[in-house]
């Protein structure tokens, strides 16, 4: 393998790495835009106390909070949420109770 071939391989690899880095940056920007849009919708449909509760949930259960956010955004996009009234903290609590999976209780009795 000559110096020319080695130099060409290095340049190809460098070009591949730059393309991959650009694709990752593009994906990160796209994800950031989506997150900003979700936050804007949540600001429009949730009262400050409800947003604070959702942010607290996000700290402890990020996947569950993301699911709740998606549900709220979907409801807002479908027009099922009123544009004039926002979701209160109490209403958010009720929604969370409905979305939390039911836990099974096991009772073991010894005879």
PDB file of N, CA and C in Angstrom:
ATOM      1  N   UNK A   1       0.845  -1.166   0.000  1.00  0.00           N
ATOM      2  CA  UNK A   1       0.000   0.000   0.000  1.00  0.00           C
ATOM      3  C   UNK A   1       0.900   1.241   0.000  1.00  0.00           C
ATOM      4  N   UNK A   2       0.716   2.094  -0.976  1.00  0.00           N
ATOM      5  CA  UNK A   2       1.551   3.281  -1.100  1.00  0.00           C
ATOM      6  C   UNK A   2       1.025   4.432  -0.273  1.00  0.00           C
ATOM      7  N   UNK A   3       1.834   5.472  -0.237  1.00  0.00           N
ATOM      8  CA  UNK A   3       1.444   6.665   0.516  1.00  0.00           C
ATOM      9  C   UNK A   3       0.193   7.313  -0.072  1.00  0.00           C
ATOM     10  N   UNK A   4       0.077   7.245  -1.410  1.00  0.00           N
ATOM     11  CA  UNK A   4      -1.102   7.833  -2.052  1.00  0.00           C
ATOM     12  C   UNK A   4      -2.382   7.110  -1.638  1.00  0.00           C
ATOM     13  N   UNK A   5      -2.336   5.792  -1.609  1.00  0.00           N
ATOM     14  CA  UNK A   5      -3.512   4.995  -1.214  1.00  0.00           C
ATOM     15  C   UNK A   5      -3.867   5.251   0.243  1.00  0.00           C
ATOM     16  N   UNK A   6      -2.862   5.316   1.081  1.00  0.00           N
ATOM     17  CA  UNK A   6      -3.078   5.563   2.500  1.00  0.00           C
ATOM     18  C   UNK A   6      -3.683   6.955   2.729  1.00  0.00           C
ATOM     19  N   UNK A   7      -3.183   7.918   2.009  1.00  0.00           N
ATOM     20  CA  UNK A   7      -3.708   9.279   2.109  1.00  0.00           C
ATOM     21  C   UNK A   7      -5.157   9.333   1.631  1.00  0.00           C
ATOM     22  N   UNK A   8      -5.453   8.620   0.563  1.00  0.00           N
ATOM     23  CA  UNK A   8      -6.823   8.581   0.034  1.00  0.00           C
ATOM     24  C   UNK A   8      -7.776   7.913   1.030  1.00  0.00           C
ATOM     25  N   UNK A   9      -7.333   6.817   1.639  1.00  0.00           N
ATOM     26  CA  UNK A   9      -8.150   6.144   2.649  1.00  0.00           C
ATOM     27  C   UNK A   9      -8.418   7.060   3.840  1.00  0.00           C
ATOM     28  N   UNK A  10      -7.409   7.789   4.265  1.00  0.00           N
ATOM     29  CA  UNK A  10      -7.574   8.709   5.391  1.00  0.00           C
ATOM     30  C   UNK A  10      -8.592   9.803   5.056  1.00  0.00           C
ATOM     31  N   UNK A  11      -8.486  10.322   3.851  1.00  0.00           N
ATOM     32  CA  UNK A  11      -9.412  11.388   3.452  1.00  0.00           C
ATOM     33  C   UNK A  11     -10.847  10.869   3.353  1.00  0.00           C
ATOM     34  N   UNK A  12     -11.019   9.660   2.828  1.00  0.00           N
ATOM     35  CA  UNK A  12     -12.365   9.063   2.761  1.00  0.00           C
ATOM     36  C   UNK A  12     -12.938   8.863   4.157  1.00  0.00           C
ATOM     37  N   UNK A  13     -12.094   8.346   5.048  1.00  0.00           N
ATOM     38  CA  UNK A  13     -12.547   8.107   6.428  1.00  0.00           C
ATOM     39  C   UNK A  13     -12.896   9.427   7.114  1.00  0.00           C
ATOM     40  N   UNK A  14     -12.086  10.454   6.883  1.00  0.00           N
ATOM     41  CA  UNK A  14     -12.357  11.767   7.449  1.00  0.00           C
ATOM     42  C   UNK A  14     -13.681  12.318   6.910  1.00  0.00           C
ATOM     43  N   UNK A  15     -13.938  12.145   5.632  1.00  0.00           N
ATOM     44  CA  UNK A  15     -15.192  12.609   5.027  1.00  0.00           C
ATOM     45  C   UNK A  15     -16.382  11.851   5.624  1.00  0.00           C
ATOM     46  N   UNK A  16     -16.224  10.559   5.840  1.00  0.00           N
ATOM     47  CA  UNK A  16     -17.293   9.764   6.449  1.00  0.00           C
ATOM     48  C   UNK A  16     -17.581  10.243   7.871  1.00  0.00           C
ATOM     49  N   UNK A  17     -16.538  10.502   8.622  1.00  0.00           N
ATOM     50  CA  UNK A  17     -16.713  10.952   9.997  1.00  0.00           C
ATOM     51  C   UNK A  17     -17.390  12.326  10.043  1.00  0.00           C
ATOM     52  N   UNK A  18     -17.028  13.213   9.110  1.00  0.00           N
ATOM     53  CA  UNK A  18     -17.655  14.532   9.061  1.00  0.00           C
ATOM     54  C   UNK A  18     -19.131  14.423   8.694  1.00  0.00           C
ATOM     55  N   UNK A  19     -19.469  13.543   7.752  1.00  0.00           N
ATOM     56  CA  UNK A  19     -20.871  13.344   7.385  1.00  0.00           C
ATOM     57  C   UNK A  19     -21.666  12.801   8.565  1.00  0.00           C
ATOM     58  N   UNK A  20     -21.075  11.855   9.277  1.00  0.00           N
ATOM     59  CA  UNK A  20     -21.750  11.274  10.431  1.00  0.00           C
ATOM     60  C   UNK A  20     -21.969  12.335  11.509  1.00  0.00           C
ATOM     61  N   UNK A  21     -20.977  13.173  11.729  1.00  0.00           N
ATOM     62  CA  UNK A  21     -21.099  14.223  12.729  1.00  0.00           C
ATOM     63  C   UNK A  21     -22.183  15.229  12.328  1.00  0.00           C
ATOM     64  N   UNK A  22     -22.247  15.578  11.055  1.00  0.00           N
ATOM     65  CA  UNK A  22     -23.274  16.498  10.580  1.00  0.00           C
ATOM     66  C   UNK A  22     -24.666  15.888  10.739  1.00  0.00           C
ATOM     67  N   UNK A  23     -24.790  14.592  10.448  1.00  0.00           N
ATOM     68  CA  UNK A  23     -26.079  13.921  10.596  1.00  0.00           C
ATOM     69  C   UNK A  23     -26.508  13.909  12.064  1.00  0.00           C
ATOM     70  N   UNK A  24     -25.571  13.671  12.967  1.00  0.00           N
ATOM     71  CA  UNK A  24     -25.881  13.665  14.397  1.00  0.00           C
ATOM     72  C   UNK A  24     -26.288  15.061  14.870  1.00  0.00           C
ATOM     73  N   UNK A  25     -25.616  16.087  14.385  1.00  0.00           N
ATOM     74  CA  UNK A  25     -25.971  17.453  14.750  1.00  0.00           C
ATOM     75  C   UNK A  25     -27.353  17.805  14.221  1.00  0.00           C
ATOM     76  N   UNK A  26     -27.646  17.391  13.003  1.00  0.00           N
ATOM     77  CA  UNK A  26     -28.960  17.651  12.410  1.00  0.00           C
ATOM     78  C   UNK A  26     -30.056  16.968  13.228  1.00  0.00           C
ATOM     79  N   UNK A  27     -29.816  15.734  13.618  1.00  0.00           N
ATOM     80  CA  UNK A  27     -30.789  14.984  14.418  1.00  0.00           C
ATOM     81  C   UNK A  27     -30.983  15.642  15.787  1.00  0.00           C
ATOM     82  N   UNK A  28     -29.903  16.109  16.391  1.00  0.00           N
ATOM     83  CA  UNK A  28     -29.994  16.777  17.688  1.00  0.00           C
ATOM     84  C   UNK A  28     -30.796  18.078  17.566  1.00  0.00           C
ATOM     85  N   UNK A  29     -30.574  18.827  16.496  1.00  0.00           N
ATOM     86  CA  UNK A  29     -31.335  20.061  16.278  1.00  0.00           C
ATOM     87  C   UNK A  29     -32.811  19.758  16.068  1.00  0.00           C
ATOM     88  N   UNK A  30     -33.102  18.721  15.300  1.00  0.00           N
ATOM     89  CA  UNK A  30     -34.484  18.343  15.046  1.00  0.00           C
ATOM     90  C   UNK A  30     -35.175  17.936  16.348  1.00  0.00           C
ATOM     91  N   UNK A  31     -34.496  17.170  17.178  1.00  0.00           N
ATOM     92  CA  UNK A  31     -35.058  16.753  18.462  1.00  0.00           C
ATOM     93  C   UNK A  31     -35.277  17.949  19.377  1.00  0.00           C
ATOM     94  N   UNK A  32     -34.357  18.903  19.338  1.00  0.00           N
ATOM     95  CA  UNK A  32     -34.490  20.100  20.167  1.00  0.00           C
ATOM     96  C   UNK A  32     -35.699  20.923  19.709  1.00  0.00           C
ATOM     97  N   UNK A  33     -35.920  21.013  18.409  1.00  0.00           N
ATOM     98  CA  UNK A  33     -37.078  21.739  17.894  1.00  0.00           C
ATOM     99  C   UNK A  33     -38.379  21.064  18.323  1.00  0.00           C
ATOM    100  N   UNK A  34     -38.408  19.750  18.269  1.00  0.00           N
ATOM    101  CA  UNK A  34     -39.598  19.011  18.693  1.00  0.00           C
ATOM    102  C   UNK A  34     -39.858  19.261  20.174  1.00  0.00           C
ATOM    103  N   UNK A  35     -38.807  19.215  20.993  1.00  0.00           N
ATOM    104  CA  UNK A  35     -38.957  19.457  22.427  1.00  0.00           C
ATOM    105  C   UNK A  35     -39.481  20.859  22.698  1.00  0.00           C
ATOM    106  N   UNK A  36     -38.990  21.839  21.931  1.00  0.00           N
ATOM    107  CA  UNK A  36     -39.463  23.209  22.102  1.00  0.00           C
ATOM    108  C   UNK A  36     -40.937  23.331  21.737  1.00  0.00           C
ATOM    109  N   UNK A  37     -41.346  22.663  20.676  1.00  0.00           N
ATOM    110  CA  UNK A  37     -42.747  22.700  20.269  1.00  0.00           C
ATOM    111  C   UNK A  37     -43.637  22.067  21.338  1.00  0.00           C
ATOM    112  N   UNK A  38     -43.192  20.947  21.896  1.00  0.00           N
ATOM    113  CA  UNK A  38     -43.956  20.283  22.955  1.00  0.00           C
ATOM    114  C   UNK A  38     -44.085  21.210  24.155  1.00  0.00           C
ATOM    115  N   UNK A  39     -42.991  21.872  24.533  1.00  0.00           N
ATOM    116  CA  UNK A  39     -43.032  22.780  25.677  1.00  0.00           C
ATOM    117  C   UNK A  39     -43.968  23.961  25.415  1.00  0.00           C
ATOM    118  N   UNK A  40     -44.004  24.452  24.188  1.00  0.00           N
ATOM    119  CA  UNK A  40     -44.912  25.558  23.848  1.00  0.00           C
ATOM    120  C   UNK A  40     -46.370  25.112  23.982  1.00  0.00           C
ATOM    121  N   UNK A  41     -46.674  23.922  23.506  1.00  0.00           N
ATOM    122  CA  UNK A  41     -48.040  23.407  23.619  1.00  0.00           C
ATOM    123  C   UNK A  41     -48.404  23.221  25.079  1.00  0.00           C
ATOM    124  N   UNK A  42     -47.494  22.683  25.865  1.00  0.00           N
ATOM    125  CA  UNK A  42     -47.764  22.468  27.285  1.00  0.00           C
ATOM    126  C   UNK A  42     -47.983  23.793  28.017  1.00  0.00           C
ATOM    127  N   UNK A  43     -47.246  24.824  27.630  1.00  0.00           N
ATOM    128  CA  UNK A  43     -47.444  26.133  28.248  1.00  0.00           C
ATOM    129  C   UNK A  43     -48.832  26.682  27.921  1.00  0.00           C
ATOM    130  N   UNK A  44     -49.348  26.318  26.764  1.00  0.00           N
ATOM    131  CA  UNK A  44     -50.657  26.812  26.352  1.00  0.00           C
ATOM    132  C   UNK A  44     -51.793  26.055  27.030  1.00  0.00           C
ATOM    133  N   UNK A  45     -51.594  24.777  27.352  1.00  0.00           N
ATOM    134  CA  UNK A  45     -52.697  23.969  27.862  1.00  0.00           C
ATOM    135  C   UNK A  45     -52.631  23.704  29.368  1.00  0.00           C
ATOM    136  N   UNK A  46     -51.490  23.967  30.010  1.00  0.00           N
ATOM    137  CA  UNK A  46     -51.352  23.685  31.442  1.00  0.00           C
ATOM    138  C   UNK A  46     -51.179  24.967  32.241  1.00  0.00           C
ATOM    139  N   UNK A  47     -51.806  24.989  33.406  1.00  0.00           N
ATOM    140  CA  UNK A  47     -51.561  26.082  34.340  1.00  0.00           C
ATOM    141  C   UNK A  47     -50.172  25.897  34.947  1.00  0.00           C
ATOM    142  N   UNK A  48     -49.596  26.957  35.501  1.00  0.00           N
ATOM    143  CA  UNK A  48     -48.231  26.846  36.052  1.00  0.00           C
ATOM    144  C   UNK A  48     -48.066  25.739  37.095  1.00  0.00           C
ATOM    145  N   UNK A  49     -49.062  25.553  37.963  1.00  0.00           N
ATOM    146  CA  UNK A  49     -48.948  24.507  38.986  1.00  0.00           C
ATOM    147  C   UNK A  49     -48.920  23.118  38.344  1.00  0.00           C
ATOM    148  N   UNK A  50     -49.713  22.928  37.303  1.00  0.00           N
ATOM    149  CA  UNK A  50     -49.744  21.637  36.621  1.00  0.00           C
ATOM    150  C   UNK A  50     -48.423  21.395  35.889  1.00  0.00           C
ATOM    151  N   UNK A  51     -47.871  22.447  35.280  1.00  0.00           N
ATOM    152  CA  UNK A  51     -46.573  22.302  34.604  1.00  0.00           C
ATOM    153  C   UNK A  51     -45.486  21.959  35.609  1.00  0.00           C
ATOM    154  N   UNK A  52     -45.561  22.576  36.782  1.00  0.00           N
ATOM    155  CA  UNK A  52     -44.580  22.285  37.831  1.00  0.00           C
ATOM    156  C   UNK A  52     -44.687  20.828  38.284  1.00  0.00           C
ATOM    157  N   UNK A  53     -45.913  20.340  38.441  1.00  0.00           N
ATOM    158  CA  UNK A  53     -46.113  18.938  38.828  1.00  0.00           C
ATOM    159  C   UNK A  53     -45.543  18.009  37.756  1.00  0.00           C
ATOM    160  N   UNK A  54     -45.801  18.324  36.493  1.00  0.00           N
ATOM    161  CA  UNK A  54     -45.299  17.488  35.398  1.00  0.00           C
ATOM    162  C   UNK A  54     -43.769  17.508  35.356  1.00  0.00           C
ATOM    163  N   UNK A  55     -43.168  18.661  35.611  1.00  0.00           N
ATOM    164  CA  UNK A  55     -41.705  18.743  35.647  1.00  0.00           C
ATOM    165  C   UNK A  55     -41.135  17.936  36.809  1.00  0.00           C
ATOM    166  N   UNK A  56     -41.833  17.913  37.942  1.00  0.00           N
ATOM    167  CA  UNK A  56     -41.395  17.111  39.078  1.00  0.00           C
ATOM    168  C   UNK A  56     -41.470  15.626  38.741  1.00  0.00           C
ATOM    169  N   UNK A  57     -42.529  15.241  38.066  1.00  0.00           N
ATOM    170  CA  UNK A  57     -42.665  13.845  37.642  1.00  0.00           C
ATOM    171  C   UNK A  57     -41.560  13.485  36.663  1.00  0.00           C
ATOM    172  N   UNK A  58     -41.216  14.433  35.802  1.00  0.00           N
ATOM    173  CA  UNK A  58     -40.172  14.193  34.801  1.00  0.00           C
ATOM    174  C   UNK A  58     -38.828  13.881  35.458  1.00  0.00           C
ATOM    175  N   UNK A  59     -38.593  14.464  36.639  1.00  0.00           N
ATOM    176  CA  UNK A  59     -37.338  14.195  37.346  1.00  0.00           C
ATOM    177  C   UNK A  59     -37.281  12.774  37.881  1.00  0.00           C
ATOM    178  N   UNK A  60     -38.419  12.258  38.332  1.00  0.00           N
ATOM    179  CA  UNK A  60     -38.425  10.925  38.938  1.00  0.00           C
ATOM    180  C   UNK A  60     -38.750   9.818  37.945  1.00  0.00           C
ATOM    181  N   UNK A  61     -39.682  10.095  37.026  1.00  0.00           N
ATOM    182  CA  UNK A  61     -40.095   9.086  36.041  1.00  0.00           C
ATOM    183  C   UNK A  61     -40.125   9.725  34.651  1.00  0.00           C
ATOM    184  N   UNK A  62     -38.957   9.876  34.014  1.00  0.00           N
ATOM    185  CA  UNK A  62     -38.906  10.593  32.736  1.00  0.00           C
ATOM    186  C   UNK A  62     -39.728   9.935  31.621  1.00  0.00           C
ATOM    187  N   UNK A  63     -39.757   8.616  31.569  1.00  0.00           N
ATOM    188  CA  UNK A  63     -40.522   7.937  30.517  1.00  0.00           C
ATOM    189  C   UNK A  63     -42.017   8.156  30.694  1.00  0.00           C
ATOM    190  N   UNK A  64     -42.486   8.066  31.919  1.00  0.00           N
ATOM    191  CA  UNK A  64     -43.902   8.279  32.198  1.00  0.00           C
ATOM    192  C   UNK A  64     -44.293   9.725  31.897  1.00  0.00           C
ATOM    193  N   UNK A  65     -43.435  10.674  32.300  1.00  0.00           N
ATOM    194  CA  UNK A  65     -43.712  12.092  32.037  1.00  0.00           C
ATOM    195  C   UNK A  65     -43.754  12.358  30.541  1.00  0.00           C
ATOM    196  N   UNK A  66     -42.861  11.743  29.789  1.00  0.00           N
ATOM    197  CA  UNK A  66     -42.847  11.906  28.331  1.00  0.00           C
ATOM    198  C   UNK A  66     -44.143  11.369  27.735  1.00  0.00           C
ATOM    199  N   UNK A  67     -44.628  10.256  28.254  1.00  0.00           N
ATOM    200  CA  UNK A  67     -45.887   9.691  27.761  1.00  0.00           C
ATOM    201  C   UNK A  67     -47.053  10.625  28.060  1.00  0.00           C
ATOM    202  N   UNK A  68     -47.050  11.226  29.254  1.00  0.00           N
ATOM    203  CA  UNK A  68     -48.112  12.168  29.621  1.00  0.00           C
ATOM    204  C   UNK A  68     -48.047  13.396  28.716  1.00  0.00           C
ATOM    205  N   UNK A  69     -46.841  13.896  28.475  1.00  0.00           N
ATOM    206  CA  UNK A  69     -46.686  15.053  27.593  1.00  0.00           C
ATOM    207  C   UNK A  69     -47.213  14.741  26.197  1.00  0.00           C
ATOM    208  N   UNK A  70     -46.873  13.573  25.679  1.00  0.00           N
ATOM    209  CA  UNK A  70     -47.350  13.187  24.352  1.00  0.00           C
ATOM    210  C   UNK A  70     -48.871  13.098  24.325  1.00  0.00           C
ATOM    211  N   UNK A  71     -49.440  12.572  25.382  1.00  0.00           N
ATOM    212  CA  UNK A  71     -50.899  12.457  25.473  1.00  0.00           C
ATOM    213  C   UNK A  71     -51.539  13.840  25.463  1.00  0.00           C
ATOM    214  N   UNK A  72     -50.985  14.770  26.230  1.00  0.00           N
ATOM    215  CA  UNK A  72     -51.527  16.122  26.293  1.00  0.00           C
ATOM    216  C   UNK A  72     -51.392  16.843  24.952  1.00  0.00           C
ATOM    217  N   UNK A  73     -50.253  16.671  24.300  1.00  0.00           N
ATOM    218  CA  UNK A  73     -50.051  17.295  22.990  1.00  0.00           C
ATOM    219  C   UNK A  73     -51.040  16.722  21.975  1.00  0.00           C
ATOM    220  N   UNK A  74     -51.229  15.420  22.015  1.00  0.00           N
ATOM    221  CA  UNK A  74     -52.165  14.782  21.094  1.00  0.00           C
ATOM    222  C   UNK A  74     -53.592  15.297  21.326  1.00  0.00           C
ATOM    223  N   UNK A  75     -53.987  15.418  22.588  1.00  0.00           N
ATOM    224  CA  UNK A  75     -55.318  15.938  22.904  1.00  0.00           C
ATOM    225  C   UNK A  75     -55.469  17.382  22.415  1.00  0.00           C
ATOM    226  N   UNK A  76     -54.420  18.163  22.574  1.00  0.00           N
ATOM    227  CA  UNK A  76     -54.471  19.562  22.129  1.00  0.00           C
ATOM    228  C   UNK A  76     -54.553  19.638  20.604  1.00  0.00           C
ATOM    229  N   UNK A  77     -53.803  18.794  19.909  1.00  0.00           N
ATOM    230  CA  UNK A  77     -53.819  18.807  18.447  1.00  0.00           C
ATOM    231  C   UNK A  77     -55.158  18.347  17.898  1.00  0.00           C
ATOM    232  N   UNK A  78     -55.815  17.440  18.596  1.00  0.00           N
ATOM    233  CA  UNK A  78     -57.108  16.942  18.153  1.00  0.00           C
ATOM    234  C   UNK A  78     -58.234  17.904  18.504  1.00  0.00           C
ATOM    235  N   UNK A  79     -57.927  18.947  19.264  1.00  0.00           N
ATOM    236  CA  UNK A  79     -58.929  19.920  19.651  1.00  0.00           C
ATOM    237  C   UNK A  79     -59.817  19.453  20.786  1.00  0.00           C
ATOM    238  N   UNK A  80     -59.379  18.445  21.509  1.00  0.00           N
ATOM    239  CA  UNK A  80     -60.176  17.912  22.614  1.00  0.00           C
ATOM    240  C   UNK A  80     -59.961  18.686  23.904  1.00  0.00           C
ATOM    241  N   UNK A  81     -59.013  19.632  23.884  1.00  0.00           N
ATOM    242  CA  UNK A  81     -58.789  20.499  25.033  1.00  0.00           C
ATOM    243  C   UNK A  81     -59.296  21.891  24.684  1.00  0.00           C
ATOM    244  N   UNK A  82     -59.912  22.525  25.639  1.00  0.00           N
ATOM    245  CA  UNK A  82     -60.458  23.857  25.421  1.00  0.00           C
ATOM    246  C   UNK A  82     -59.334  24.875  25.271  1.00  0.00           C
ATOM    247  N   UNK A  83     -59.464  25.756  24.312  1.00  0.00           N
ATOM    248  CA  UNK A  83     -58.454  26.791  24.094  1.00  0.00           C
ATOM    249  C   UNK A  83     -58.541  27.901  25.146  1.00  0.00           C
ATOM    250  N   UNK A  84     -59.711  28.049  25.749  1.00  0.00           N
ATOM    251  CA  UNK A  84     -59.897  29.151  26.683  1.00  0.00           C
ATOM    252  C   UNK A  84     -59.510  28.787  28.108  1.00  0.00           C
ATOM    253  N   UNK A  85     -59.669  27.537  28.497  1.00  0.00           N
ATOM    254  CA  UNK A  85     -59.318  27.140  29.859  1.00  0.00           C
ATOM    255  C   UNK A  85     -58.138  26.188  29.826  1.00  0.00           C
ATOM    256  N   UNK A  86     -57.273  26.344  30.812  1.00  0.00           N
ATOM    257  CA  UNK A  86     -56.101  25.487  30.906  1.00  0.00           C
ATOM    258  C   UNK A  86     -56.369  24.365  31.898  1.00  0.00           C
ATOM    259  N   UNK A  87     -55.576  23.307  31.783  1.00  0.00           N
ATOM    260  CA  UNK A  87     -55.688  22.174  32.696  1.00  0.00           C
ATOM    261  C   UNK A  87     -55.098  22.576  34.041  1.00  0.00           C
ATOM    262  N   UNK A  88     -55.884  22.399  35.092  1.00  0.00           N
ATOM    263  CA  UNK A  88     -55.429  22.748  36.436  1.00  0.00           C
ATOM    264  C   UNK A  88     -54.626  21.596  37.027  1.00  0.00           C
ATOM    265  N   UNK A  89     -54.033  21.866  38.173  1.00  0.00           N
ATOM    266  CA  UNK A  89     -53.259  20.843  38.865  1.00  0.00           C
ATOM    267  C   UNK A  89     -54.152  19.674  39.266  1.00  0.00           C
ATOM    268  N   UNK A  90     -55.357  19.971  39.706  1.00  0.00           N
ATOM    269  CA  UNK A  90     -56.300  18.922  40.110  1.00  0.00           C
ATOM    270  C   UNK A  90     -56.687  18.050  38.915  1.00  0.00           C
ATOM    271  N   UNK A  91     -56.940  18.677  37.787  1.00  0.00           N
ATOM    272  CA  UNK A  91     -57.290  17.913  36.584  1.00  0.00           C
ATOM    273  C   UNK A  91     -56.114  17.054  36.127  1.00  0.00           C
ATOM    274  N   UNK A  92     -54.907  17.587  36.243  1.00  0.00           N
ATOM    275  CA  UNK A  92     -53.724  16.808  35.872  1.00  0.00           C
ATOM    276  C   UNK A  92     -53.562  15.610  36.792  1.00  0.00           C
ATOM    277  N   UNK A  93     -53.847  15.785  38.091  1.00  0.00           N
ATOM    278  CA  UNK A  93     -53.776  14.665  39.036  1.00  0.00           C
ATOM    279  C   UNK A  93     -54.730  13.553  38.621  1.00  0.00           C
ATOM    280  N   UNK A  94     -55.943  13.933  38.229  1.00  0.00           N
ATOM    281  CA  UNK A  94     -56.931  12.938  37.789  1.00  0.00           C
ATOM    282  C   UNK A  94     -56.450  12.225  36.531  1.00  0.00           C
ATOM    283  N   UNK A  95     -55.880  12.982  35.602  1.00  0.00           N
ATOM    284  CA  UNK A  95     -55.348  12.371  34.375  1.00  0.00           C
ATOM    285  C   UNK A  95     -54.214  11.411  34.705  1.00  0.00           C
ATOM    286  N   UNK A  96     -53.356  11.795  35.630  1.00  0.00           N
ATOM    287  CA  UNK A  96     -52.244  10.929  36.029  1.00  0.00           C
ATOM    288  C   UNK A  96     -52.750   9.645  36.681  1.00  0.00           C
ATOM    289  N   UNK A  97     -53.802   9.756  37.486  1.00  0.00           N
ATOM    290  CA  UNK A  97     -54.372   8.556  38.116  1.00  0.00           C
ATOM    291  C   UNK A  97     -54.885   7.584  37.058  1.00  0.00           C
ATOM    292  N   UNK A  98     -55.456   8.125  35.984  1.00  0.00           N
ATOM    293  CA  UNK A  98     -55.970   7.265  34.918  1.00  0.00           C
ATOM    294  C   UNK A  98     -54.848   6.617  34.118  1.00  0.00           C
ATOM    295  N   UNK A  99     -53.728   7.327  33.983  1.00  0.00           N
ATOM    296  CA  UNK A  99     -52.635   6.816  33.157  1.00  0.00           C
ATOM    297  C   UNK A  99     -51.680   5.895  33.901  1.00  0.00           C
ATOM    298  N   UNK A 100     -51.656   5.978  35.234  1.00  0.00           N
ATOM    299  CA  UNK A 100     -50.753   5.122  36.013  1.00  0.00           C
ATOM    300  C   UNK A 100     -51.243   3.685  35.916  1.00  0.00           C
ATOM    301  N   UNK A 101     -50.354   2.781  35.565  1.00  0.00           N
ATOM    302  CA  UNK A 101     -50.782   1.380  35.498  1.00  0.00           C
ATOM    303  C   UNK A 101     -51.190   0.872  36.878  1.00  0.00           C
ATOM    304  N   UNK A 102     -52.232   0.089  36.882  1.00  0.00           N
ATOM    305  CA  UNK A 102     -52.736  -0.457  38.146  1.00  0.00           C
ATOM    306  C   UNK A 102     -51.764  -1.497  38.681  1.00  0.00           C
ATOM    307  N   UNK A 103     -51.488  -1.392  39.958  1.00  0.00           N
ATOM    308  CA  UNK A 103     -50.601  -2.364  40.599  1.00  0.00           C
ATOM    309  C   UNK A 103     -51.433  -3.527  41.103  1.00  0.00           C
ATOM    310  N   UNK A 104     -50.864  -4.692  41.030  1.00  0.00           N
ATOM    311  CA  UNK A 104     -51.545  -5.877  41.533  1.00  0.00           C
ATOM    312  C   UNK A 104     -51.094  -6.123  42.964  1.00  0.00           C
ATOM    313  N   UNK A 105     -52.061  -6.388  43.810  1.00  0.00           N
ATOM    314  CA  UNK A 105     -51.762  -6.717  45.197  1.00  0.00           C
ATOM    315  C   UNK A 105     -51.843  -8.223  45.376  1.00  0.00           C
ATOM    316  N   UNK A 106     -50.867  -8.734  46.057  1.00  0.00           N
ATOM    317  CA  UNK A 106     -50.845 -10.162  46.329  1.00  0.00           C
ATOM    318  C   UNK A 106     -50.974 -10.364  47.824  1.00  0.00           C
ATOM    319  N   UNK A 107     -51.939 -11.187  48.201  1.00  0.00           N
ATOM    320  CA  UNK A 107     -52.139 -11.542  49.603  1.00  0.00           C
ATOM    321  C   UNK A 107     -51.783 -13.020  49.762  1.00  0.00           C
ATOM    322  N   UNK A 108     -50.863 -13.276  50.633  1.00  0.00           N
ATOM    323  CA  UNK A 108     -50.454 -14.657  50.878  1.00  0.00           C
ATOM    324  C   UNK A 108     -50.933 -15.024  52.288  1.00  0.00           C
ATOM    325  N   UNK A 109     -51.750 -16.039  52.330  1.00  0.00           N
ATOM    326  CA  UNK A 109     -52.256 -16.505  53.629  1.00  0.00           C
ATOM    327  C   UNK A 109     -51.689 -17.876  53.912  1.00  0.00           C
ATOM    328  N   UNK A 110     -51.264 -18.050  55.124  1.00  0.00           N
ATOM    329  CA  UNK A 110     -50.768 -19.371  55.537  1.00  0.00           C
ATOM    330  C   UNK A 110     -51.841 -20.046  56.358  1.00  0.00           C
ATOM    331  N   UNK A 111     -52.038 -21.276  56.048  1.00  0.00           N
ATOM    332  CA  UNK A 111     -53.090 -22.033  56.734  1.00  0.00           C
ATOM    333  C   UNK A 111     -52.478 -23.000  57.709  1.00  0.00           C
TER     334      UNK A 111
END
